[in-house]
Amino acid sequence: MSIGPAAAPKTRVRRTPEAARENILAAAEALLVEQGPQAIKLADVAKAAGVVHANVIHHFGSIAGVETALMERMIRQLTDKVLVALNQPDAVLGVGAQALFDAFEAKGAARLAAWLELTGEGARMTLVREVVDEIVQTRLARDSGVDRDAAVDFILLNIILAVGVGLFGPTLSALLGRPPERARELALELIEGRLTGAR
């Protein structure tokens, strides 16, 4: 009886702490988008990331830490897109709303935000205030001549509408016999109407 060559031992992938955290967050985001926030469990995130539970705990402290870091990551990515759009020479205020709606509809951010709020953890989204301040400081916001309170109210309206459309838009539109994109269209019309009234 001949014995074949021994299988090569698996080599461990050594990552920097930043790369390890990013790997775990990318796995958690994939679970969020595919299965919803209830799928963000320690065992599932670890398995999807190809690491052991202890690595997740080491980098985030708990699954709640993963949820918070994931929300912060998603908020930061969204904000970066909005800031780039608003700082273009030919930008108009409505372009930020489009980016906001895209993010809340496509990436699962609305579901995660709702999940955190429904589980009493909404206060963990502390980054929101910081990013709103960044948006208020963009060239377009400054040049619009709108005072800070009005700008913050406008951003609040955009976020509330984007979360609502991200969570319920297509479903409610279909239930009411409307095309799936109708809720988004109506929300953007409302935002445009507010912009027109402020000019």
Protein backbone atom coordinates (compact mmCIF):
# COMPACT_ATOMS: atom_id res chain seq x y z
CA MET A 1 0.00 0.00 0.00
CA SER A 2 1.55 3.26 -1.07
CA ILE A 3 1.00 6.45 0.74
CA GLY A 4 0.77 9.59 -1.31
CA PRO A 5 2.60 12.78 -0.47
CA ALA A 6 1.48 14.50 2.69
CA ALA A 7 -0.93 17.34 2.19
CA ALA A 8 0.73 20.72 2.40
CA PRO A 9 -0.08 22.43 5.67
CA LYS A 10 -2.39 25.40 5.40
CA THR A 11 -0.54 28.65 5.68
CA ARG A 12 -2.03 31.23 7.95
CA VAL A 13 -2.66 34.58 6.44
CA ARG A 14 -1.02 37.25 8.54
CA ARG A 15 -2.88 40.54 8.41
CA THR A 16 -2.22 43.89 9.95
CA PRO A 17 -4.78 44.81 12.64
CA GLU A 18 -6.38 47.25 10.19
CA ALA A 19 -6.62 44.59 7.47
CA ALA A 20 -8.02 42.05 9.96
CA ARG A 21 -10.71 44.52 11.09
CA GLU A 22 -11.56 45.36 7.47
CA ASN A 23 -11.84 41.65 6.61
CA ILE A 24 -14.27 41.08 9.50
CA LEU A 25 -16.34 44.18 8.63
CA ALA A 26 -16.51 43.19 4.95
CA ALA A 27 -17.80 39.75 5.98
CA ALA A 28 -20.36 41.33 8.33
CA GLU A 29 -21.52 43.71 5.59
CA ALA A 30 -21.95 40.83 3.14
CA LEU A 31 -24.11 39.01 5.71
CA LEU A 32 -26.11 42.18 6.32
CA VAL A 33 -26.81 42.74 2.63
CA GLU A 34 -27.60 39.07 1.88
CA GLN A 35 -29.55 38.07 5.00
CA GLY A 36 -30.32 41.16 7.08
CA PRO A 37 -29.08 42.44 10.46
CA GLN A 38 -30.26 39.35 12.34
CA ALA A 39 -27.51 37.40 10.51
CA ILE A 40 -24.77 39.45 12.17
CA LYS A 41 -23.95 36.86 14.82
CA LEU A 42 -20.51 36.14 16.22
CA ALA A 43 -20.24 32.61 14.79
CA ASP A 44 -21.55 33.62 11.36
CA VAL A 45 -19.33 36.68 11.05
CA ALA A 46 -16.25 34.70 12.13
CA LYS A 47 -17.03 31.92 9.64
CA ALA A 48 -17.68 34.36 6.78
CA ALA A 49 -14.42 36.17 7.56
CA GLY A 50 -12.45 32.90 7.80
CA VAL A 51 -11.33 33.57 11.36
CA VAL A 52 -12.07 32.15 14.80
CA HIS A 53 -14.48 33.78 17.25
CA ALA A 54 -11.60 34.98 19.38
CA ASN A 55 -10.29 37.14 16.53
CA VAL A 56 -13.61 38.94 16.22
CA ILE A 57 -13.69 39.53 19.98
CA HIS A 58 -10.05 40.64 19.95
CA HIS A 59 -10.69 43.32 17.32
CA PHE A 60 -14.19 44.48 18.32
CA GLY A 61 -14.83 43.36 21.91
CA SER A 62 -18.25 41.87 21.08
CA ILE A 63 -20.73 41.43 18.26
CA ALA A 64 -22.23 44.77 19.34
CA GLY A 65 -18.82 46.28 18.61
CA VAL A 66 -18.94 44.78 15.12
CA GLU A 67 -22.41 46.28 14.54
CA THR A 68 -21.26 49.72 15.69
CA ALA A 69 -18.08 49.60 13.61
CA LEU A 70 -20.05 48.39 10.59
CA MET A 71 -22.55 51.22 10.87
CA GLU A 72 -19.72 53.74 11.29
CA ARG A 73 -17.96 52.29 8.24
CA MET A 74 -21.13 52.50 6.16
CA ILE A 75 -21.83 56.06 7.34
CA ARG A 76 -18.25 57.08 6.51
CA GLN A 77 -18.42 55.53 3.02
CA LEU A 78 -21.73 57.26 2.37
CA THR A 79 -20.47 60.60 3.67
CA ASP A 80 -17.36 60.40 1.49
CA LYS A 81 -19.56 59.91 -1.60
CA VAL A 82 -21.83 62.79 -0.63
CA LEU A 83 -18.87 65.08 0.11
CA VAL A 84 -17.24 64.32 -3.23
CA ALA A 85 -20.54 65.02 -5.03
CA LEU A 86 -21.22 68.26 -3.14
CA ASN A 87 -17.70 69.61 -3.67
CA GLN A 88 -17.84 69.30 -7.48
CA PRO A 89 -17.76 72.69 -9.25
CA ASP A 90 -21.14 72.09 -10.92
CA ALA A 91 -22.83 70.37 -7.95
CA VAL A 92 -26.44 70.98 -7.00
CA LEU A 93 -27.89 70.22 -3.56
CA GLY A 94 -30.10 67.41 -4.87
CA VAL A 95 -27.06 65.34 -5.84
CA GLY A 96 -26.36 64.58 -2.18
CA ALA A 97 -29.89 63.23 -1.78
CA GLN A 98 -29.38 60.86 -4.72
CA ALA A 99 -26.21 59.43 -3.13
CA LEU A 100 -28.00 59.09 0.21
CA PHE A 101 -30.93 57.19 -1.32
CA ASP A 102 -28.55 54.94 -3.27
CA ALA A 103 -26.71 53.95 -0.11
CA PHE A 104 -29.78 53.29 2.01
CA GLU A 105 -31.43 51.24 -0.73
CA ALA A 106 -28.50 49.17 -1.95
CA LYS A 107 -26.13 48.51 0.93
CA GLY A 108 -28.39 47.49 3.79
CA ALA A 109 -27.65 50.63 5.79
CA ALA A 110 -31.37 51.31 6.35
CA ARG A 111 -31.88 47.80 7.72
CA LEU A 112 -28.90 48.06 10.06
CA ALA A 113 -29.95 51.52 11.30
CA ALA A 114 -33.48 50.25 11.95
CA TRP A 115 -32.15 47.15 13.68
CA LEU A 116 -29.96 49.21 16.00
CA GLU A 117 -32.86 51.54 16.80
CA LEU A 118 -35.34 48.71 17.42
CA THR A 119 -32.92 46.96 19.77
CA GLY A 120 -32.36 50.15 21.75
CA GLU A 121 -28.89 50.68 20.33
CA GLY A 122 -29.58 53.65 18.05
CA ALA A 123 -27.51 55.92 20.28
CA ARG A 124 -24.41 54.05 19.05
CA MET A 125 -24.66 55.91 15.74
CA THR A 126 -22.74 58.85 17.19
CA LEU A 127 -20.80 59.45 13.98
CA VAL A 128 -23.94 60.94 12.39
CA ARG A 129 -23.49 64.32 14.10
CA GLU A 130 -19.88 64.56 12.99
CA VAL A 131 -20.66 63.78 9.35
CA VAL A 132 -23.58 66.22 9.28
CA ASP A 133 -21.14 68.92 10.40
CA GLU A 134 -18.82 67.92 7.55
CA ILE A 135 -21.64 68.18 5.02
CA VAL A 136 -22.71 71.59 6.36
CA GLN A 137 -19.13 72.78 5.77
CA THR A 138 -19.01 71.80 2.09
CA ARG A 139 -18.52 74.49 -0.52
CA LEU A 140 -22.02 74.02 -1.90
CA ALA A 141 -23.69 74.26 1.52
CA ARG A 142 -21.69 77.39 2.38
CA ASP A 143 -22.36 79.02 -0.98
CA SER A 144 -26.10 78.31 -0.81
CA GLY A 145 -26.50 81.01 1.86
CA VAL A 146 -28.68 78.73 4.02
CA ASP A 147 -28.04 79.05 7.76
CA ARG A 148 -26.70 76.08 9.71
CA ASP A 149 -30.01 75.19 11.41
CA ALA A 150 -31.86 75.11 8.09
CA ALA A 151 -29.08 73.01 6.55
CA VAL A 152 -29.21 70.49 9.42
CA ASP A 153 -33.02 70.31 9.13
CA PHE A 154 -32.67 69.66 5.40
CA ILE A 155 -30.14 66.88 6.01
CA LEU A 156 -32.41 65.38 8.68
CA LEU A 157 -35.31 65.33 6.20
CA ASN A 158 -33.11 63.64 3.59
CA ILE A 159 -31.95 60.95 6.03
CA ILE A 160 -35.46 60.20 7.32
CA LEU A 161 -36.83 59.90 3.79
CA ALA A 162 -33.89 57.80 2.57
CA VAL A 163 -34.20 55.38 5.51
CA GLY A 164 -37.96 55.07 4.95
CA VAL A 165 -37.55 54.44 1.24
CA GLY A 166 -34.70 52.01 1.90
CA LEU A 167 -36.81 50.00 4.34
CA PHE A 168 -40.28 50.13 2.82
CA GLY A 169 -40.25 51.97 -0.52
CA PRO A 170 -40.46 49.16 -3.07
CA THR A 171 -42.70 46.96 -0.90
CA LEU A 172 -45.23 49.69 -0.07
CA SER A 173 -45.20 50.98 -3.63
CA ALA A 174 -46.02 47.49 -4.93
CA LEU A 175 -48.72 46.95 -2.29
CA LEU A 176 -50.39 50.16 -3.43
CA GLY A 177 -50.18 49.20 -7.09
CA ARG A 178 -47.39 51.63 -7.92
CA PRO A 179 -44.03 50.89 -9.59
CA PRO A 180 -41.31 49.87 -7.08
CA GLU A 181 -39.35 53.10 -7.61
CA ARG A 182 -42.38 55.36 -6.96
CA ALA A 183 -41.64 55.95 -3.25
CA ARG A 184 -38.16 57.18 -4.09
CA GLU A 185 -39.48 59.44 -6.84
CA LEU A 186 -42.02 61.00 -4.48
CA ALA A 187 -39.42 61.49 -1.74
CA LEU A 188 -37.03 63.19 -4.16
CA GLU A 189 -39.86 65.41 -5.43
CA LEU A 190 -40.53 66.46 -1.84
CA ILE A 191 -36.85 67.26 -1.33
CA GLU A 192 -36.69 69.20 -4.61
CA GLY A 193 -39.82 71.14 -3.60
CA ARG A 194 -38.17 72.11 -0.34
CA LEU A 195 -35.05 73.20 -2.20
CA THR A 196 -37.09 75.27 -4.64
CA GLY A 197 -38.96 76.96 -1.76
CA ALA A 198 -35.66 77.84 -0.07
CA ARG A 199 -34.23 79.56 -3.16
